[in-house]
Amino acid sequence: MAGLSVNIDHVATIRQVRRTIEPDPVAAASICEAAGARGITAHLREDRRHVQDRDLRLLRQVAKTCLNLEMAPTDELIAIALDVKPDMATLVPERRQEVTTEGGLDVAGQQDRLADVTRRLRDGGIVVSLFINPDPLQIEAAGATEADAVELNTGSYSNAHRFEDRQRELQILTVGAEMVRNLGLTLNAGHGLTYQNVLPVAAIEGMSGLYIGHSIISYAVLYGLAEAVREMTRLIDKATQFPDHYRTA
């Protein structure tokens, strides 16, 4: 049965817009775990646009489920991973100008390099997953790196709006998933999954983990907004009723 790992990057994104202390992605991670998430994912980008080093270190202290660090396979991030020791590291491509990860790793084009990174992380006690497109060439190359897992990129599936296009992309994912299983790798998937499109992917045979962030945080912003407004209104009304008591901070 597939388990959910919640990506808390966008909680940090909201915080970083104002360079303040809230909302705290570490607190968000604890809420997600209490609600049933089986893992927490954080992407420490080279430009630190959302998750910060402090967040990652605190997450390592408080996370009770599987802490997954998404990271580019650079020497800086490898050193941080070996120091912090997340439960899992998912190697992803990274480009400074991109809004979000644009595609899977080109494992076939840098197989020796990624095999070395995988070895270094595994020697440090970290499970290694590779984020790749559901391309047979990339899946075969991923198997040759001796990584533990593969996260299939569901971006093309998620961006397909017509039914027939979605079905075609789902079939590509299904075939890729079978290849991953046959190589003896743990099967994960993620990117762009939403409440509307997750069911067929979650139902793929052997699916172990689904990595979802933006849609969950978006849902929380909208459906938690009413309670947030009610609480602020309650406080303002309280101050209006008892002004003398609250005139000093």
C-alpha atoms as a PDB file:
ATOM      1  CA  MET A   1       0.000   0.000   0.000  1.00  0.00           C
ATOM      2  CA  ALA A   2       1.361   3.395  -1.007  1.00  0.00           C
ATOM      3  CA  GLY A   3       2.260   5.810   1.762  1.00  0.00           C
ATOM      4  CA  LEU A   4       2.271   9.605   1.653  1.00  0.00           C
ATOM      5  CA  SER A   5       5.353  11.753   2.154  1.00  0.00           C
ATOM      6  CA  VAL A   6       4.406  15.424   2.463  1.00  0.00           C
ATOM      7  CA  ASN A   7       6.745  17.980   0.927  1.00  0.00           C
ATOM      8  CA  ILE A   8       6.816  21.007   3.247  1.00  0.00           C
ATOM      9  CA  ASP A   9       8.794  23.296   0.902  1.00  0.00           C
ATOM     10  CA  HIS A  10       5.866  25.613   0.227  1.00  0.00           C
ATOM     11  CA  VAL A  11       5.319  26.296   3.906  1.00  0.00           C
ATOM     12  CA  ALA A  12       8.878  27.597   3.902  1.00  0.00           C
ATOM     13  CA  THR A  13       8.157  29.524   0.690  1.00  0.00           C
ATOM     14  CA  ILE A  14       5.406  31.506   2.420  1.00  0.00           C
ATOM     15  CA  ARG A  15       7.753  32.277   5.310  1.00  0.00           C
ATOM     16  CA  GLN A  16      10.631  33.348   3.075  1.00  0.00           C
ATOM     17  CA  VAL A  17       8.477  35.865   1.203  1.00  0.00           C
ATOM     18  CA  ARG A  18       8.558  38.005   4.360  1.00  0.00           C
ATOM     19  CA  ARG A  19      11.835  36.666   5.830  1.00  0.00           C
ATOM     20  CA  THR A  20      10.001  36.132   9.113  1.00  0.00           C
ATOM     21  CA  ILE A  21       9.571  33.159  11.430  1.00  0.00           C
ATOM     22  CA  GLU A  22       6.136  31.938  10.351  1.00  0.00           C
ATOM     23  CA  PRO A  23       4.785  29.665   9.148  1.00  0.00           C
ATOM     24  CA  ASP A  24       7.367  27.246  10.482  1.00  0.00           C
ATOM     25  CA  PRO A  25       7.888  24.222   8.171  1.00  0.00           C
ATOM     26  CA  VAL A  26       9.154  22.182  11.110  1.00  0.00           C
ATOM     27  CA  ALA A  27       5.868  22.702  12.960  1.00  0.00           C
ATOM     28  CA  ALA A  28       4.059  21.879   9.730  1.00  0.00           C
ATOM     29  CA  ALA A  29       5.958  18.607   9.490  1.00  0.00           C
ATOM     30  CA  SER A  30       4.806  17.581  12.964  1.00  0.00           C
ATOM     31  CA  ILE A  31       1.192  18.378  12.058  1.00  0.00           C
ATOM     32  CA  CYS A  32       1.492  16.289   8.881  1.00  0.00           C
ATOM     33  CA  GLU A  33       2.873  13.328  10.801  1.00  0.00           C
ATOM     34  CA  ALA A  34       0.145  13.573  13.430  1.00  0.00           C
ATOM     35  CA  ALA A  35      -2.414  13.561  10.602  1.00  0.00           C
ATOM     36  CA  GLY A  36      -1.075  10.306   9.175  1.00  0.00           C
ATOM     37  CA  ALA A  37       1.763  11.176   6.791  1.00  0.00           C
ATOM     38  CA  ARG A  38       4.333   8.393   6.625  1.00  0.00           C
ATOM     39  CA  GLY A  39       7.145  10.701   5.653  1.00  0.00           C
ATOM     40  CA  ILE A  40       8.320  14.303   5.382  1.00  0.00           C
ATOM     41  CA  THR A  41      10.148  15.640   2.341  1.00  0.00           C
ATOM     42  CA  ALA A  42      12.208  18.826   2.185  1.00  0.00           C
ATOM     43  CA  HIS A  43      14.191  20.109  -0.792  1.00  0.00           C
ATOM     44  CA  LEU A  44      17.286  22.028   0.280  1.00  0.00           C
ATOM     45  CA  ARG A  45      18.022  24.005  -2.856  1.00  0.00           C
ATOM     46  CA  GLU A  46      21.398  25.463  -3.661  1.00  0.00           C
ATOM     47  CA  ASP A  47      19.920  28.989  -3.609  1.00  0.00           C
ATOM     48  CA  ARG A  48      17.998  28.306  -0.358  1.00  0.00           C
ATOM     49  CA  ARG A  49      14.834  29.830  -1.821  1.00  0.00           C
ATOM     50  CA  HIS A  50      12.579  28.073   0.682  1.00  0.00           C
ATOM     51  CA  VAL A  51      13.910  25.397   3.069  1.00  0.00           C
ATOM     52  CA  GLN A  52      16.921  26.610   5.059  1.00  0.00           C
ATOM     53  CA  ASP A  53      19.757  24.647   6.647  1.00  0.00           C
ATOM     54  CA  ARG A  54      18.255  25.362  10.076  1.00  0.00           C
ATOM     55  CA  ASP A  55      14.965  23.788   8.967  1.00  0.00           C
ATOM     56  CA  LEU A  56      16.667  20.604   7.836  1.00  0.00           C
ATOM     57  CA  ARG A  57      18.608  20.205  11.066  1.00  0.00           C
ATOM     58  CA  LEU A  58      15.517  20.755  13.185  1.00  0.00           C
ATOM     59  CA  LEU A  59      13.521  18.369  11.025  1.00  0.00           C
ATOM     60  CA  ARG A  60      16.128  15.698  11.692  1.00  0.00           C
ATOM     61  CA  GLN A  61      15.591  16.217  15.419  1.00  0.00           C
ATOM     62  CA  VAL A  62      11.785  16.180  15.430  1.00  0.00           C
ATOM     63  CA  ALA A  63      10.695  13.986  12.490  1.00  0.00           C
ATOM     64  CA  LYS A  64       9.240  10.710  13.698  1.00  0.00           C
ATOM     65  CA  THR A  65       8.660   9.222  10.247  1.00  0.00           C
ATOM     66  CA  CYS A  66      10.947   8.944   7.228  1.00  0.00           C
ATOM     67  CA  LEU A  67      12.786  12.221   6.578  1.00  0.00           C
ATOM     68  CA  ASN A  68      13.501  12.516   2.852  1.00  0.00           C
ATOM     69  CA  LEU A  69      15.966  15.152   1.662  1.00  0.00           C
ATOM     70  CA  GLU A  70      15.568  16.175  -1.967  1.00  0.00           C
ATOM     71  CA  MET A  71      18.938  17.403  -3.174  1.00  0.00           C
ATOM     72  CA  ALA A  72      21.030  18.103  -6.229  1.00  0.00           C
ATOM     73  CA  PRO A  73      24.016  15.723  -6.448  1.00  0.00           C
ATOM     74  CA  THR A  74      26.576  18.426  -5.609  1.00  0.00           C
ATOM     75  CA  ASP A  75      29.508  18.204  -3.232  1.00  0.00           C
ATOM     76  CA  GLU A  76      27.972  20.839  -0.931  1.00  0.00           C
ATOM     77  CA  LEU A  77      24.669  18.994  -0.580  1.00  0.00           C
ATOM     78  CA  ILE A  78      26.361  15.617  -0.238  1.00  0.00           C
ATOM     79  CA  ALA A  79      28.400  16.959   2.688  1.00  0.00           C
ATOM     80  CA  ILE A  80      25.261  18.364   4.337  1.00  0.00           C
ATOM     81  CA  ALA A  81      23.382  15.087   3.868  1.00  0.00           C
ATOM     82  CA  LEU A  82      26.230  13.065   5.373  1.00  0.00           C
ATOM     83  CA  ASP A  83      26.287  15.435   8.339  1.00  0.00           C
ATOM     84  CA  VAL A  84      22.517  15.668   8.959  1.00  0.00           C
ATOM     85  CA  LYS A  85      21.771  12.053   7.953  1.00  0.00           C
ATOM     86  CA  PRO A  86      18.190  12.084   6.688  1.00  0.00           C
ATOM     87  CA  ASP A  87      16.626   8.660   6.383  1.00  0.00           C
ATOM     88  CA  MET A  88      16.556   9.021   2.601  1.00  0.00           C
ATOM     89  CA  ALA A  89      18.089  11.308  -0.006  1.00  0.00           C
ATOM     90  CA  THR A  90      16.328  11.760  -3.331  1.00  0.00           C
ATOM     91  CA  LEU A  91      18.684  13.035  -6.011  1.00  0.00           C
ATOM     92  CA  VAL A  92      17.029  15.560  -8.310  1.00  0.00           C
ATOM     93  CA  PRO A  93      18.221  17.861 -11.106  1.00  0.00           C
ATOM     94  CA  GLU A  94      18.315  21.533 -10.254  1.00  0.00           C
ATOM     95  CA  ARG A  95      18.441  24.707 -12.310  1.00  0.00           C
ATOM     96  CA  ARG A  96      18.534  28.107 -10.619  1.00  0.00           C
ATOM     97  CA  GLN A  97      15.982  29.717 -12.946  1.00  0.00           C
ATOM     98  CA  GLU A  98      13.334  27.005 -12.662  1.00  0.00           C
ATOM     99  CA  VAL A  99      10.156  27.592 -10.660  1.00  0.00           C
ATOM    100  CA  THR A 100      10.014  23.932  -9.691  1.00  0.00           C
ATOM    101  CA  THR A 101      11.863  20.789 -10.729  1.00  0.00           C
ATOM    102  CA  GLU A 102      11.356  20.561 -14.486  1.00  0.00           C
ATOM    103  CA  GLY A 103      12.174  16.926 -15.191  1.00  0.00           C
ATOM    104  CA  GLY A 104      13.968  13.835 -14.059  1.00  0.00           C
ATOM    105  CA  LEU A 105      17.678  13.255 -13.672  1.00  0.00           C
ATOM    106  CA  ASP A 106      19.604  12.266 -16.776  1.00  0.00           C
ATOM    107  CA  VAL A 107      21.014   9.169 -15.113  1.00  0.00           C
ATOM    108  CA  ALA A 108      22.093   7.605 -18.395  1.00  0.00           C
ATOM    109  CA  GLY A 109      24.177  10.664 -19.212  1.00  0.00           C
ATOM    110  CA  GLN A 110      26.007  10.747 -15.878  1.00  0.00           C
ATOM    111  CA  GLN A 111      25.762   7.188 -14.641  1.00  0.00           C
ATOM    112  CA  ASP A 112      29.287   6.967 -13.236  1.00  0.00           C
ATOM    113  CA  ARG A 113      28.947  10.252 -11.351  1.00  0.00           C
ATOM    114  CA  LEU A 114      25.571   9.304  -9.852  1.00  0.00           C
ATOM    115  CA  ALA A 115      26.820   5.844  -8.949  1.00  0.00           C
ATOM    116  CA  ASP A 116      29.630   7.511  -6.975  1.00  0.00           C
ATOM    117  CA  VAL A 117      27.217   9.888  -5.220  1.00  0.00           C
ATOM    118  CA  THR A 118      24.908   6.976  -4.437  1.00  0.00           C
ATOM    119  CA  ARG A 119      27.791   4.986  -2.960  1.00  0.00           C
ATOM    120  CA  ARG A 120      28.926   7.897  -0.774  1.00  0.00           C
ATOM    121  CA  LEU A 121      25.425   8.451   0.601  1.00  0.00           C
ATOM    122  CA  ARG A 122      24.735   4.760   1.158  1.00  0.00           C
ATOM    123  CA  ASP A 123      28.071   4.369   2.929  1.00  0.00           C
ATOM    124  CA  GLY A 124      26.809   7.123   5.235  1.00  0.00           C
ATOM    125  CA  GLY A 125      23.734   5.066   6.109  1.00  0.00           C
ATOM    126  CA  ILE A 126      21.320   6.984   3.875  1.00  0.00           C
ATOM    127  CA  VAL A 127      18.809   5.300   1.569  1.00  0.00           C
ATOM    128  CA  VAL A 128      19.155   6.721  -1.957  1.00  0.00           C
ATOM    129  CA  SER A 129      16.371   7.376  -4.441  1.00  0.00           C
ATOM    130  CA  LEU A 130      16.703   8.816  -7.961  1.00  0.00           C
ATOM    131  CA  PHE A 131      14.025  11.126  -9.397  1.00  0.00           C
ATOM    132  CA  ILE A 132      13.718  10.146 -13.053  1.00  0.00           C
ATOM    133  CA  ASN A 133      11.298  10.276 -15.950  1.00  0.00           C
ATOM    134  CA  PRO A 134       9.497   6.975 -16.692  1.00  0.00           C
ATOM    135  CA  ASP A 135      11.886   6.348 -19.590  1.00  0.00           C
ATOM    136  CA  PRO A 136      13.210   2.765 -20.007  1.00  0.00           C
ATOM    137  CA  LEU A 137      16.727   4.078 -20.713  1.00  0.00           C
ATOM    138  CA  GLN A 138      16.763   6.109 -17.485  1.00  0.00           C
ATOM    139  CA  ILE A 139      15.237   3.301 -15.432  1.00  0.00           C
ATOM    140  CA  GLU A 140      17.870   0.809 -16.615  1.00  0.00           C
ATOM    141  CA  ALA A 141      20.622   3.333 -15.844  1.00  0.00           C
ATOM    142  CA  ALA A 142      19.138   3.941 -12.385  1.00  0.00           C
ATOM    143  CA  GLY A 143      19.341   0.226 -11.674  1.00  0.00           C
ATOM    144  CA  ALA A 144      23.018   0.225 -12.584  1.00  0.00           C
ATOM    145  CA  THR A 145      23.843   2.940 -10.021  1.00  0.00           C
ATOM    146  CA  GLU A 146      22.868   0.609  -7.156  1.00  0.00           C
ATOM    147  CA  ALA A 147      20.392   3.143  -5.810  1.00  0.00           C
ATOM    148  CA  ASP A 148      17.780   1.771  -3.430  1.00  0.00           C
ATOM    149  CA  ALA A 149      14.727   3.383  -5.000  1.00  0.00           C
ATOM    150  CA  VAL A 150      13.344   5.298  -7.949  1.00  0.00           C
ATOM    151  CA  GLU A 151      10.832   8.119  -7.841  1.00  0.00           C
ATOM    152  CA  LEU A 152       9.056   8.256 -11.174  1.00  0.00           C
ATOM    153  CA  ASN A 153       8.317  11.777 -12.369  1.00  0.00           C
ATOM    154  CA  THR A 154       4.531  12.125 -12.702  1.00  0.00           C
ATOM    155  CA  GLY A 155       4.776  15.637 -14.188  1.00  0.00           C
ATOM    156  CA  SER A 156       3.653  14.713 -17.714  1.00  0.00           C
ATOM    157  CA  TYR A 157       0.738  12.717 -16.308  1.00  0.00           C
ATOM    158  CA  SER A 158      -0.249  15.557 -13.971  1.00  0.00           C
ATOM    159  CA  ASN A 159      -0.098  18.151 -16.759  1.00  0.00           C
ATOM    160  CA  ALA A 160      -2.202  16.104 -19.187  1.00  0.00           C
ATOM    161  CA  HIS A 161      -5.665  17.667 -19.336  1.00  0.00           C
ATOM    162  CA  ARG A 162      -7.412  15.520 -21.924  1.00  0.00           C
ATOM    163  CA  PHE A 163      -8.593  12.077 -20.832  1.00  0.00           C
ATOM    164  CA  GLU A 164      -6.803  10.263 -23.638  1.00  0.00           C
ATOM    165  CA  ASP A 165      -3.540  12.075 -22.874  1.00  0.00           C
ATOM    166  CA  ARG A 166      -3.822  11.212 -19.193  1.00  0.00           C
ATOM    167  CA  GLN A 167      -4.464   7.574 -20.017  1.00  0.00           C
ATOM    168  CA  ARG A 168      -1.425   7.473 -22.294  1.00  0.00           C
ATOM    169  CA  GLU A 169       0.813   8.989 -19.599  1.00  0.00           C
ATOM    170  CA  LEU A 170      -0.610   6.631 -16.986  1.00  0.00           C
ATOM    171  CA  GLN A 171       0.252   3.684 -19.216  1.00  0.00           C
ATOM    172  CA  ILE A 172       3.824   4.983 -19.556  1.00  0.00           C
ATOM    173  CA  LEU A 173       4.045   5.220 -15.760  1.00  0.00           C
ATOM    174  CA  THR A 174       2.612   1.722 -15.353  1.00  0.00           C
ATOM    175  CA  VAL A 175       5.139   0.195 -17.750  1.00  0.00           C
ATOM    176  CA  GLY A 176       7.949   2.125 -16.077  1.00  0.00           C
ATOM    177  CA  ALA A 177       6.777   0.979 -12.668  1.00  0.00           C
ATOM    178  CA  GLU A 178       6.967  -2.657 -13.771  1.00  0.00           C
ATOM    179  CA  MET A 179      10.538  -2.114 -14.938  1.00  0.00           C
ATOM    180  CA  VAL A 180      11.449  -0.551 -11.586  1.00  0.00           C
ATOM    181  CA  ARG A 181       9.960  -3.502  -9.711  1.00  0.00           C
ATOM    182  CA  ASN A 182      11.751  -6.010 -11.932  1.00  0.00           C
ATOM    183  CA  LEU A 183      15.065  -4.337 -11.123  1.00  0.00           C
ATOM    184  CA  GLY A 184      14.356  -4.876  -7.434  1.00  0.00           C
ATOM    185  CA  LEU A 185      14.128  -1.146  -6.672  1.00  0.00           C
ATOM    186  CA  THR A 186      11.589   0.462  -4.368  1.00  0.00           C
ATOM    187  CA  LEU A 187       8.923   2.201  -6.454  1.00  0.00           C
ATOM    188  CA  ASN A 188       7.959   5.776  -5.609  1.00  0.00           C
ATOM    189  CA  ALA A 189       6.291   8.541  -7.625  1.00  0.00           C
ATOM    190  CA  GLY A 190       5.633  12.245  -7.452  1.00  0.00           C
ATOM    191  CA  HIS A 191       5.449  15.696  -9.040  1.00  0.00           C
ATOM    192  CA  GLY A 192       2.264  17.625  -9.667  1.00  0.00           C
ATOM    193  CA  LEU A 193      -0.039  15.061  -8.077  1.00  0.00           C
ATOM    194  CA  THR A 194      -3.323  16.480  -6.777  1.00  0.00           C
ATOM    195  CA  TYR A 195      -6.512  15.368  -5.055  1.00  0.00           C
ATOM    196  CA  GLN A 196      -8.053  15.003  -8.512  1.00  0.00           C
ATOM    197  CA  ASN A 197      -5.413  12.815 -10.178  1.00  0.00           C
ATOM    198  CA  VAL A 198      -3.677  10.815  -7.433  1.00  0.00           C
ATOM    199  CA  LEU A 199      -5.919   7.734  -7.349  1.00  0.00           C
ATOM    200  CA  PRO A 200      -4.727   5.988 -10.552  1.00  0.00           C
ATOM    201  CA  VAL A 201      -1.069   6.517  -9.608  1.00  0.00           C
ATOM    202  CA  ALA A 202      -1.592   5.296  -6.046  1.00  0.00           C
ATOM    203  CA  ALA A 203      -3.230   2.174  -7.491  1.00  0.00           C
ATOM    204  CA  ILE A 204      -0.196   1.200  -9.621  1.00  0.00           C
ATOM    205  CA  GLU A 205       1.031  -2.238  -8.545  1.00  0.00           C
ATOM    206  CA  GLY A 206       3.894  -2.105  -6.072  1.00  0.00           C
ATOM    207  CA  MET A 207       3.682   1.631  -5.430  1.00  0.00           C
ATOM    208  CA  SER A 208       5.504   2.307  -2.159  1.00  0.00           C
ATOM    209  CA  GLY A 209       5.545   6.084  -1.694  1.00  0.00           C
ATOM    210  CA  LEU A 210       3.848   9.151  -3.133  1.00  0.00           C
ATOM    211  CA  TYR A 211       5.594  12.499  -2.716  1.00  0.00           C
ATOM    212  CA  ILE A 212       3.145  15.400  -2.713  1.00  0.00           C
ATOM    213  CA  GLY A 213       3.504  18.981  -1.530  1.00  0.00           C
ATOM    214  CA  HIS A 214       1.976  21.878  -3.440  1.00  0.00           C
ATOM    215  CA  SER A 215      -1.532  20.471  -3.697  1.00  0.00           C
ATOM    216  CA  ILE A 216      -1.666  19.633   0.018  1.00  0.00           C
ATOM    217  CA  ILE A 217      -0.416  23.049   1.124  1.00  0.00           C
ATOM    218  CA  SER A 218      -2.831  24.727  -1.320  1.00  0.00           C
ATOM    219  CA  TYR A 219      -5.716  22.718   0.136  1.00  0.00           C
ATOM    220  CA  ALA A 220      -4.653  23.659   3.651  1.00  0.00           C
ATOM    221  CA  VAL A 221      -4.501  27.378   2.805  1.00  0.00           C
ATOM    222  CA  LEU A 222      -8.081  27.319   1.532  1.00  0.00           C
ATOM    223  CA  TYR A 223      -9.780  24.873   3.846  1.00  0.00           C
ATOM    224  CA  GLY A 224      -7.956  25.999   6.959  1.00  0.00           C
ATOM    225  CA  LEU A 225      -8.577  29.661   6.175  1.00  0.00           C
ATOM    226  CA  ALA A 226     -12.039  29.837   7.732  1.00  0.00           C
ATOM    227  CA  GLU A 227     -10.749  28.640  11.103  1.00  0.00           C
ATOM    228  CA  ALA A 228      -7.815  31.075  10.923  1.00  0.00           C
ATOM    229  CA  VAL A 229     -10.188  33.990  10.283  1.00  0.00           C
ATOM    230  CA  ARG A 230     -12.525  32.884  13.074  1.00  0.00           C
ATOM    231  CA  GLU A 231      -9.639  32.799  15.568  1.00  0.00           C
ATOM    232  CA  MET A 232      -8.352  36.275  14.616  1.00  0.00           C
ATOM    233  CA  THR A 233     -11.890  37.659  14.771  1.00  0.00           C
ATOM    234  CA  ARG A 234     -12.324  36.122  18.212  1.00  0.00           C
ATOM    235  CA  LEU A 235      -9.181  37.836  19.484  1.00  0.00           C
ATOM    236  CA  ILE A 236     -10.180  41.219  18.072  1.00  0.00           C
ATOM    237  CA  ASP A 237     -13.654  40.905  19.595  1.00  0.00           C
ATOM    238  CA  LYS A 238     -12.088  39.974  22.928  1.00  0.00           C
ATOM    239  CA  ALA A 239      -9.918  43.102  22.899  1.00  0.00           C
ATOM    240  CA  THR A 240     -12.948  45.227  21.989  1.00  0.00           C
ATOM    241  CA  GLN A 241     -14.919  43.868  24.949  1.00  0.00           C
ATOM    242  CA  PHE A 242     -12.087  44.260  27.481  1.00  0.00           C
ATOM    243  CA  PRO A 243      -9.902  47.090  26.135  1.00  0.00           C
ATOM    244  CA  ASP A 244      -8.317  48.102  29.465  1.00  0.00           C
ATOM    245  CA  HIS A 245      -6.918  44.642  29.985  1.00  0.00           C
ATOM    246  CA  TYR A 246      -5.107  44.572  26.637  1.00  0.00           C
ATOM    247  CA  ARG A 247      -3.762  48.121  26.252  1.00  0.00           C
ATOM    248  CA  THR A 248      -0.196  46.989  26.990  1.00  0.00           C
ATOM    249  CA  ALA A 249       1.491  44.248  25.036  1.00  0.00           C
END
